[in-house]
Amino acid sequence: MDVVLDLLFTSPIGLLSLFTILFIIGMAITLLGWYKRKMNSPEE
């Protein structure tokens, strides 16, 4: 497990993978909030 974390935080490919994972999680949270606001909006 230590080797995996070392590879994730020190290698360029690991850092790009970490950035991608965090970006997708952030995008999912943003879209979830946006969809919830759109669904609760009484406009249409």
C-alpha atoms as a PDB file:
ATOM      1  CA  MET A   1       0.000   0.000   0.000  1.00  0.00           C
ATOM      2  CA  ASP A   2       2.916   2.317   0.723  1.00  0.00           C
ATOM      3  CA  VAL A   3       4.269   1.777  -2.788  1.00  0.00           C
ATOM      4  CA  VAL A   4       0.913   2.704  -4.311  1.00  0.00           C
ATOM      5  CA  LEU A   5       0.640   5.930  -2.339  1.00  0.00           C
ATOM      6  CA  ASP A   6       4.249   6.792  -3.127  1.00  0.00           C
ATOM      7  CA  LEU A   7       3.581   6.278  -6.831  1.00  0.00           C
ATOM      8  CA  LEU A   8       0.362   8.314  -6.649  1.00  0.00           C
ATOM      9  CA  PHE A   9       1.892  11.346  -4.941  1.00  0.00           C
ATOM     10  CA  THR A  10       5.376  11.455  -6.456  1.00  0.00           C
ATOM     11  CA  SER A  11       5.205  10.418 -10.103  1.00  0.00           C
ATOM     12  CA  PRO A  12       3.832  12.716 -12.812  1.00  0.00           C
ATOM     13  CA  ILE A  13       1.328  10.084 -13.976  1.00  0.00           C
ATOM     14  CA  GLY A  14       0.148   9.570 -10.409  1.00  0.00           C
ATOM     15  CA  LEU A  15      -0.370  13.301  -9.907  1.00  0.00           C
ATOM     16  CA  LEU A  16      -2.303  13.551 -13.174  1.00  0.00           C
ATOM     17  CA  SER A  17      -4.462  10.616 -12.071  1.00  0.00           C
ATOM     18  CA  LEU A  18      -5.090  12.245  -8.698  1.00  0.00           C
ATOM     19  CA  PHE A  19      -6.010  15.545 -10.361  1.00  0.00           C
ATOM     20  CA  THR A  20      -8.389  13.726 -12.717  1.00  0.00           C
ATOM     21  CA  ILE A  21     -10.107  11.886  -9.878  1.00  0.00           C
ATOM     22  CA  LEU A  22     -10.543  15.090  -7.864  1.00  0.00           C
ATOM     23  CA  PHE A  23     -11.774  16.988 -10.930  1.00  0.00           C
ATOM     24  CA  ILE A  24     -14.430  14.372 -11.699  1.00  0.00           C
ATOM     25  CA  ILE A  25     -15.625  14.318  -8.080  1.00  0.00           C
ATOM     26  CA  GLY A  26     -15.832  18.125  -8.076  1.00  0.00           C
ATOM     27  CA  MET A  27     -17.708  18.134 -11.373  1.00  0.00           C
ATOM     28  CA  ALA A  28     -20.173  15.564 -10.041  1.00  0.00           C
ATOM     29  CA  ILE A  29     -20.861  17.663  -6.925  1.00  0.00           C
ATOM     30  CA  THR A  30     -21.325  20.805  -9.029  1.00  0.00           C
ATOM     31  CA  LEU A  31     -23.678  19.125 -11.492  1.00  0.00           C
ATOM     32  CA  LEU A  32     -25.646  17.490  -8.691  1.00  0.00           C
ATOM     33  CA  GLY A  33     -26.274  20.876  -7.072  1.00  0.00           C
ATOM     34  CA  TRP A  34     -27.167  22.452 -10.405  1.00  0.00           C
ATOM     35  CA  TYR A  35     -29.620  19.658 -11.275  1.00  0.00           C
ATOM     36  CA  LYS A  36     -31.259  19.834  -7.855  1.00  0.00           C
ATOM     37  CA  ARG A  37     -31.783  23.598  -8.245  1.00  0.00           C
ATOM     38  CA  LYS A  38     -33.222  23.082 -11.741  1.00  0.00           C
ATOM     39  CA  MET A  39     -35.605  20.367 -10.545  1.00  0.00           C
ATOM     40  CA  ASN A  40     -36.881  22.467  -7.648  1.00  0.00           C
ATOM     41  CA  SER A  41     -37.374  25.547  -9.823  1.00  0.00           C
ATOM     42  CA  PRO A  42     -41.117  26.165 -10.486  1.00  0.00           C
ATOM     43  CA  GLU A  43     -40.475  27.999 -13.774  1.00  0.00           C
ATOM     44  CA  GLU A  44     -41.350  25.188 -16.194  1.00  0.00           C
END
